[in-house]
PDB file of N, CA and C in Angstrom:
ATOM      1  N   MET A   1       0.822  -1.193   0.000  1.00  0.00           N
ATOM      2  CA  MET A   1       0.000   0.000   0.000  1.00  0.00           C
ATOM      3  C   MET A   1       0.868   1.260   0.000  1.00  0.00           C
ATOM      4  N   LEU A   2       1.957   1.197   0.731  1.00  0.00           N
ATOM      5  CA  LEU A   2       2.848   2.356   0.784  1.00  0.00           C
ATOM      6  C   LEU A   2       3.416   2.664  -0.597  1.00  0.00           C
ATOM      7  N   PHE A   3       3.660   1.634  -1.378  1.00  0.00           N
ATOM      8  CA  PHE A   3       4.159   1.822  -2.744  1.00  0.00           C
ATOM      9  C   PHE A   3       3.154   2.638  -3.566  1.00  0.00           C
ATOM     10  N   PHE A   4       1.864   2.333  -3.427  1.00  0.00           N
ATOM     11  CA  PHE A   4       0.843   3.046  -4.191  1.00  0.00           C
ATOM     12  C   PHE A   4       0.721   4.500  -3.750  1.00  0.00           C
ATOM     13  N   ILE A   5       0.932   4.753  -2.468  1.00  0.00           N
ATOM     14  CA  ILE A   5       0.911   6.136  -1.986  1.00  0.00           C
ATOM     15  C   ILE A   5       2.061   6.921  -2.604  1.00  0.00           C
ATOM     16  N   ILE A   6       3.230   6.302  -2.651  1.00  0.00           N
ATOM     17  CA  ILE A   6       4.392   6.972  -3.241  1.00  0.00           C
ATOM     18  C   ILE A   6       4.172   7.217  -4.733  1.00  0.00           C
ATOM     19  N   VAL A   7       3.616   6.229  -5.431  1.00  0.00           N
ATOM     20  CA  VAL A   7       3.332   6.393  -6.864  1.00  0.00           C
ATOM     21  C   VAL A   7       2.302   7.492  -7.075  1.00  0.00           C
ATOM     22  N   PHE A   8       1.247   7.521  -6.242  1.00  0.00           N
ATOM     23  CA  PHE A   8       0.231   8.561  -6.367  1.00  0.00           C
ATOM     24  C   PHE A   8       0.844   9.938  -6.164  1.00  0.00           C
ATOM     25  N   CYS A   9       1.702  10.077  -5.179  1.00  0.00           N
ATOM     26  CA  CYS A   9       2.348  11.373  -4.930  1.00  0.00           C
ATOM     27  C   CYS A   9       3.257  11.767  -6.090  1.00  0.00           C
ATOM     28  N   ALA A  10       3.949  10.803  -6.678  1.00  0.00           N
ATOM     29  CA  ALA A  10       4.815  11.105  -7.820  1.00  0.00           C
ATOM     30  C   ALA A  10       3.997  11.548  -9.030  1.00  0.00           C
ATOM     31  N   VAL A  11       2.911  10.865  -9.294  1.00  0.00           N
ATOM     32  CA  VAL A  11       2.040  11.257 -10.408  1.00  0.00           C
ATOM     33  C   VAL A  11       1.422  12.628 -10.140  1.00  0.00           C
ATOM     34  N   SER A  12       1.060  12.877  -8.898  1.00  0.00           N
ATOM     35  CA  SER A  12       0.489  14.179  -8.546  1.00  0.00           C
ATOM     36  C   SER A  12       1.492  15.302  -8.756  1.00  0.00           C
ATOM     37  N   MET A  13       2.742  15.068  -8.410  1.00  0.00           N
ATOM     38  CA  MET A  13       3.766  16.090  -8.631  1.00  0.00           C
ATOM     39  C   MET A  13       3.982  16.334 -10.124  1.00  0.00           C
ATOM     40  N   PHE A  14       3.941  15.277 -10.918  1.00  0.00           N
ATOM     41  CA  PHE A  14       4.042  15.434 -12.364  1.00  0.00           C
ATOM     42  C   PHE A  14       2.891  16.287 -12.890  1.00  0.00           C
ATOM     43  N   GLU A  15       1.683  16.009 -12.416  1.00  0.00           N
ATOM     44  CA  GLU A  15       0.519  16.811 -12.830  1.00  0.00           C
ATOM     45  C   GLU A  15       0.686  18.266 -12.391  1.00  0.00           C
ATOM     46  N   TRP A  16       1.224  18.472 -11.199  1.00  0.00           N
ATOM     47  CA  TRP A  16       1.410  19.834 -10.704  1.00  0.00           C
ATOM     48  C   TRP A  16       2.366  20.597 -11.615  1.00  0.00           C
ATOM     49  N   PHE A  17       3.466  19.994 -12.020  1.00  0.00           N
ATOM     50  CA  PHE A  17       4.413  20.676 -12.900  1.00  0.00           C
ATOM     51  C   PHE A  17       3.821  20.912 -14.282  1.00  0.00           C
ATOM     52  N   ARG A  18       2.975  20.025 -14.734  1.00  0.00           N
ATOM     53  CA  ARG A  18       2.297  20.227 -16.021  1.00  0.00           C
ATOM     54  C   ARG A  18       1.234  21.317 -15.926  1.00  0.00           C
ATOM     55  N   PHE A  19       0.677  21.517 -14.765  1.00  0.00           N
ATOM     56  CA  PHE A  19      -0.449  22.418 -14.545  1.00  0.00           C
ATOM     57  C   PHE A  19      -0.003  23.839 -14.199  1.00  0.00           C
ATOM     58  N   ARG A  20       1.293  24.077 -14.143  1.00  0.00           N
ATOM     59  CA  ARG A  20       1.816  25.372 -13.687  1.00  0.00           C
ATOM     60  C   ARG A  20       1.377  26.547 -14.554  1.00  0.00           C
ATOM     61  N   GLN A  21       1.053  26.323 -15.798  1.00  0.00           N
ATOM     62  CA  GLN A  21       0.714  27.418 -16.711  1.00  0.00           C
ATOM     63  C   GLN A  21      -0.731  27.907 -16.544  1.00  0.00           C
ATOM     64  N   GLN A  22      -1.526  27.255 -15.729  1.00  0.00           N
ATOM     65  CA  GLN A  22      -2.920  27.635 -15.530  1.00  0.00           C
ATOM     66  C   GLN A  22      -3.026  28.841 -14.594  1.00  0.00           C
ATOM     67  N   SER A  23      -4.256  29.295 -14.402  1.00  0.00           N
ATOM     68  CA  SER A  23      -4.474  30.446 -13.528  1.00  0.00           C
ATOM     69  C   SER A  23      -4.162  30.089 -12.072  1.00  0.00           C
ATOM     70  N   LYS A  24      -3.985  31.108 -11.269  1.00  0.00           N
ATOM     71  CA  LYS A  24      -3.605  30.904  -9.871  1.00  0.00           C
ATOM     72  C   LYS A  24      -4.685  30.148  -9.099  1.00  0.00           C
ATOM     73  N   LYS A  25      -5.944  30.448  -9.384  1.00  0.00           N
ATOM     74  CA  LYS A  25      -7.045  29.772  -8.701  1.00  0.00           C
ATOM     75  C   LYS A  25      -7.055  28.284  -9.044  1.00  0.00           C
ATOM     76  N   ASP A  26      -6.837  27.955 -10.301  1.00  0.00           N
ATOM     77  CA  ASP A  26      -6.815  26.553 -10.716  1.00  0.00           C
ATOM     78  C   ASP A  26      -5.644  25.801 -10.092  1.00  0.00           C
ATOM     79  N   LYS A  27      -4.507  26.457  -9.996  1.00  0.00           N
ATOM     80  CA  LYS A  27      -3.342  25.819  -9.385  1.00  0.00           C
ATOM     81  C   LYS A  27      -3.601  25.494  -7.924  1.00  0.00           C
ATOM     82  N   TRP A  28      -4.191  26.428  -7.195  1.00  0.00           N
ATOM     83  CA  TRP A  28      -4.447  26.187  -5.775  1.00  0.00           C
ATOM     84  C   TRP A  28      -5.533  25.142  -5.579  1.00  0.00           C
ATOM     85  N   THR A  29      -6.495  25.097  -6.486  1.00  0.00           N
ATOM     86  CA  THR A  29      -7.521  24.065  -6.399  1.00  0.00           C
ATOM     87  C   THR A  29      -6.908  22.687  -6.598  1.00  0.00           C
ATOM     88  N   LEU A  30      -6.070  22.549  -7.609  1.00  0.00           N
ATOM     89  CA  LEU A  30      -5.408  21.263  -7.847  1.00  0.00           C
ATOM     90  C   LEU A  30      -4.500  20.899  -6.687  1.00  0.00           C
ATOM     91  N   LEU A  31      -3.752  21.844  -6.179  1.00  0.00           N
ATOM     92  CA  LEU A  31      -2.851  21.575  -5.066  1.00  0.00           C
ATOM     93  C   LEU A  31      -3.621  21.128  -3.827  1.00  0.00           C
ATOM     94  N   SER A  32      -4.737  21.760  -3.531  1.00  0.00           N
ATOM     95  CA  SER A  32      -5.517  21.366  -2.357  1.00  0.00           C
ATOM     96  C   SER A  32      -6.128  19.978  -2.549  1.00  0.00           C
ATOM     97  N   LEU A  33      -6.548  19.642  -3.762  1.00  0.00           N
ATOM     98  CA  LEU A  33      -7.071  18.299  -4.008  1.00  0.00           C
ATOM     99  C   LEU A  33      -5.981  17.238  -3.865  1.00  0.00           C
ATOM    100  N   VAL A  34      -4.798  17.530  -4.360  1.00  0.00           N
ATOM    101  CA  VAL A  34      -3.680  16.583  -4.259  1.00  0.00           C
ATOM    102  C   VAL A  34      -3.275  16.392  -2.804  1.00  0.00           C
ATOM    103  N   ILE A  35      -3.169  17.465  -2.055  1.00  0.00           N
ATOM    104  CA  ILE A  35      -2.788  17.361  -0.644  1.00  0.00           C
ATOM    105  C   ILE A  35      -3.866  16.623   0.143  1.00  0.00           C
ATOM    106  N   GLY A  36      -5.119  16.941  -0.124  1.00  0.00           N
ATOM    107  CA  GLY A  36      -6.212  16.260   0.567  1.00  0.00           C
ATOM    108  C   GLY A  36      -6.244  14.768   0.276  1.00  0.00           C
ATOM    109  N   ALA A  37      -6.088  14.407  -0.990  1.00  0.00           N
ATOM    110  CA  ALA A  37      -6.090  12.990  -1.355  1.00  0.00           C
ATOM    111  C   ALA A  37      -4.876  12.271  -0.771  1.00  0.00           C
ATOM    112  N   SER A  38      -3.724  12.938  -0.753  1.00  0.00           N
ATOM    113  CA  SER A  38      -2.522  12.324  -0.177  1.00  0.00           C
ATOM    114  C   SER A  38      -2.682  12.100   1.319  1.00  0.00           C
ATOM    115  N   LEU A  39      -3.213  13.075   2.018  1.00  0.00           N
ATOM    116  CA  LEU A  39      -3.436  12.912   3.448  1.00  0.00           C
ATOM    117  C   LEU A  39      -4.444  11.801   3.741  1.00  0.00           C
ATOM    118  N   TRP A  40      -5.484  11.726   2.904  1.00  0.00           N
ATOM    119  CA  TRP A  40      -6.493  10.679   3.075  1.00  0.00           C
ATOM    120  C   TRP A  40      -5.860   9.293   2.906  1.00  0.00           C
ATOM    121  N   GLU A  41      -5.003   9.143   1.904  1.00  0.00           N
ATOM    122  CA  GLU A  41      -4.324   7.863   1.674  1.00  0.00           C
ATOM    123  C   GLU A  41      -3.383   7.511   2.824  1.00  0.00           C
ATOM    124  N   VAL A  42      -2.674   8.504   3.329  1.00  0.00           N
ATOM    125  CA  VAL A  42      -1.764   8.242   4.450  1.00  0.00           C
ATOM    126  C   VAL A  42      -2.553   7.848   5.693  1.00  0.00           C
ATOM    127  N   MET A  43      -3.664   8.498   5.931  1.00  0.00           N
ATOM    128  CA  MET A  43      -4.502   8.134   7.080  1.00  0.00           C
ATOM    129  C   MET A  43      -5.058   6.720   6.921  1.00  0.00           C
ATOM    130  N   ALA A  44      -5.485   6.361   5.706  1.00  0.00           N
ATOM    131  CA  ALA A  44      -6.003   5.012   5.464  1.00  0.00           C
ATOM    132  C   ALA A  44      -4.901   3.968   5.632  1.00  0.00           C
ATOM    133  N   TYR A  45      -3.687   4.330   5.291  1.00  0.00           N
ATOM    134  CA  TYR A  45      -2.555   3.408   5.466  1.00  0.00           C
ATOM    135  C   TYR A  45      -2.163   3.284   6.934  1.00  0.00           C
ATOM    136  N   SER A  46      -2.252   4.377   7.670  1.00  0.00           N
ATOM    137  CA  SER A  46      -1.789   4.406   9.054  1.00  0.00           C
ATOM    138  C   SER A  46      -2.780   3.792  10.033  1.00  0.00           C
ATOM    139  N   PHE A  47      -4.059   4.024   9.823  1.00  0.00           N
ATOM    140  CA  PHE A  47      -5.087   3.574  10.764  1.00  0.00           C
ATOM    141  C   PHE A  47      -5.995   2.557  10.095  1.00  0.00           C
ATOM    142  N   GLN A  48      -6.184   1.423  10.763  1.00  0.00           N
ATOM    143  CA  GLN A  48      -7.000   0.342  10.204  1.00  0.00           C
ATOM    144  C   GLN A  48      -8.458   0.766  10.042  1.00  0.00           C
ATOM    145  N   TRP A  49      -8.972   1.588  10.941  1.00  0.00           N
ATOM    146  CA  TRP A  49     -10.375   1.967  10.917  1.00  0.00           C
ATOM    147  C   TRP A  49     -10.681   3.080   9.924  1.00  0.00           C
ATOM    148  N   TRP A  50      -9.673   3.735   9.388  1.00  0.00           N
ATOM    149  CA  TRP A  50      -9.892   4.833   8.441  1.00  0.00           C
ATOM    150  C   TRP A  50     -10.205   4.252   7.062  1.00  0.00           C
ATOM    151  N   PRO A  51     -11.333   4.638   6.453  1.00  0.00           N
ATOM    152  CA  PRO A  51     -11.680   4.039   5.151  1.00  0.00           C
ATOM    153  C   PRO A  51     -10.785   4.553   4.023  1.00  0.00           C
ATOM    154  N   ALA A  52     -10.404   3.652   3.154  1.00  0.00           N
ATOM    155  CA  ALA A  52      -9.616   4.015   1.980  1.00  0.00           C
ATOM    156  C   ALA A  52     -10.550   4.593   0.913  1.00  0.00           C
ATOM    157  N   PRO A  53     -10.026   5.389   0.002  1.00  0.00           N
ATOM    158  CA  PRO A  53     -10.873   5.928  -1.066  1.00  0.00           C
ATOM    159  C   PRO A  53     -11.549   4.838  -1.899  1.00  0.00           C
ATOM    160  N   ASN A  54     -10.894   3.706  -2.064  1.00  0.00           N
ATOM    161  CA  ASN A  54     -11.498   2.610  -2.815  1.00  0.00           C
ATOM    162  C   ASN A  54     -12.746   2.080  -2.125  1.00  0.00           C
ATOM    163  N   ASP A  55     -12.772   2.141  -0.799  1.00  0.00           N
ATOM    164  CA  ASP A  55     -13.956   1.693  -0.063  1.00  0.00           C
ATOM    165  C   ASP A  55     -15.168   2.539  -0.411  1.00  0.00           C
ATOM    166  N   PHE A  56     -14.972   3.837  -0.577  1.00  0.00           N
ATOM    167  CA  PHE A  56     -16.091   4.699  -0.939  1.00  0.00           C
ATOM    168  C   PHE A  56     -16.616   4.381  -2.340  1.00  0.00           C
ATOM    169  N   ILE A  57     -15.725   4.013  -3.233  1.00  0.00           N
ATOM    170  CA  ILE A  57     -16.161   3.631  -4.578  1.00  0.00           C
ATOM    171  C   ILE A  57     -16.997   2.360  -4.512  1.00  0.00           C
ATOM    172  N   VAL A  58     -16.557   1.401  -3.699  1.00  0.00           N
ATOM    173  CA  VAL A  58     -17.320   0.165  -3.548  1.00  0.00           C
ATOM    174  C   VAL A  58     -18.664   0.452  -2.880  1.00  0.00           C
ATOM    175  N   TYR A  59     -18.679   1.314  -1.869  1.00  0.00           N
ATOM    176  CA  TYR A  59     -19.936   1.661  -1.211  1.00  0.00           C
ATOM    177  C   TYR A  59     -20.898   2.356  -2.173  1.00  0.00           C
ATOM    178  N   ALA A  60     -20.375   3.230  -2.999  1.00  0.00           N
ATOM    179  CA  ALA A  60     -21.233   4.001  -3.903  1.00  0.00           C
ATOM    180  C   ALA A  60     -21.729   3.177  -5.083  1.00  0.00           C
ATOM    181  N   PHE A  61     -20.862   2.315  -5.634  1.00  0.00           N
ATOM    182  CA  PHE A  61     -21.221   1.614  -6.860  1.00  0.00           C
ATOM    183  C   PHE A  61     -21.245   0.100  -6.707  1.00  0.00           C
ATOM    184  N   GLY A  62     -21.185  -0.398  -5.498  1.00  0.00           N
ATOM    185  CA  GLY A  62     -21.203  -1.833  -5.277  1.00  0.00           C
ATOM    186  C   GLY A  62     -22.502  -2.492  -5.669  1.00  0.00           C
ATOM    187  N   TRP A  63     -23.593  -1.743  -5.619  1.00  0.00           N
ATOM    188  CA  TRP A  63     -24.881  -2.301  -5.985  1.00  0.00           C
ATOM    189  C   TRP A  63     -24.953  -2.631  -7.475  1.00  0.00           C
ATOM    190  N   VAL A  64     -24.119  -2.007  -8.281  1.00  0.00           N
ATOM    191  CA  VAL A  64     -24.112  -2.274  -9.722  1.00  0.00           C
ATOM    192  C   VAL A  64     -23.626  -3.701  -9.981  1.00  0.00           C
ATOM    193  N   ASP A  65     -22.748  -4.202  -9.133  1.00  0.00           N
ATOM    194  CA  ASP A  65     -22.207  -5.544  -9.307  1.00  0.00           C
ATOM    195  C   ASP A  65     -23.319  -6.588  -9.279  1.00  0.00           C
ATOM    196  N   THR A  66     -24.318  -6.396  -8.425  1.00  0.00           N
ATOM    197  CA  THR A  66     -25.411  -7.361  -8.362  1.00  0.00           C
ATOM    198  C   THR A  66     -26.251  -7.329  -9.629  1.00  0.00           C
ATOM    199  N   LEU A  67     -26.299  -6.196 -10.304  1.00  0.00           N
ATOM    200  CA  LEU A  67     -27.050  -6.104 -11.551  1.00  0.00           C
ATOM    201  C   LEU A  67     -26.320  -6.772 -12.711  1.00  0.00           C
ATOM    202  N   LEU A  68     -24.996  -6.800 -12.647  1.00  0.00           N
ATOM    203  CA  LEU A  68     -24.193  -7.336 -13.744  1.00  0.00           C
ATOM    204  C   LEU A  68     -23.972  -8.843 -13.654  1.00  0.00           C
ATOM    205  N   LYS A  69     -24.222  -9.442 -12.508  1.00  0.00           N
ATOM    206  CA  LYS A  69     -24.026 -10.883 -12.356  1.00  0.00           C
ATOM    207  C   LYS A  69     -25.115 -11.633 -13.134  1.00  0.00           C
ATOM    208  N   PRO A  70     -24.718 -12.667 -13.859  1.00  0.00           N
ATOM    209  CA  PRO A  70     -25.732 -13.458 -14.563  1.00  0.00           C
ATOM    210  C   PRO A  70     -26.580 -14.243 -13.565  1.00  0.00           C
ATOM    211  N   THR A  71     -27.824 -14.409 -13.883  1.00  0.00           N
ATOM    212  CA  THR A  71     -28.732 -15.134 -12.974  1.00  0.00           C
ATOM    213  C   THR A  71     -28.789 -16.595 -13.282  1.00  0.00           C
TER     214      THR A  71
END
């Protein structure tokens, strides 16, 4: 899991350097989203009870899986 956090942070930094030419408001919005997502991942890695972002995807769209299963 720690490997994925490091990869996510590296990809985020690449996006940040690519995004430098945008307006100041857009840069700060992207930076706050990257920092927030990074902190969320670190918390999910550090504490067993903290939900990972993937858990929210499963909670939100898990019901679709029952529709796709053949009967």
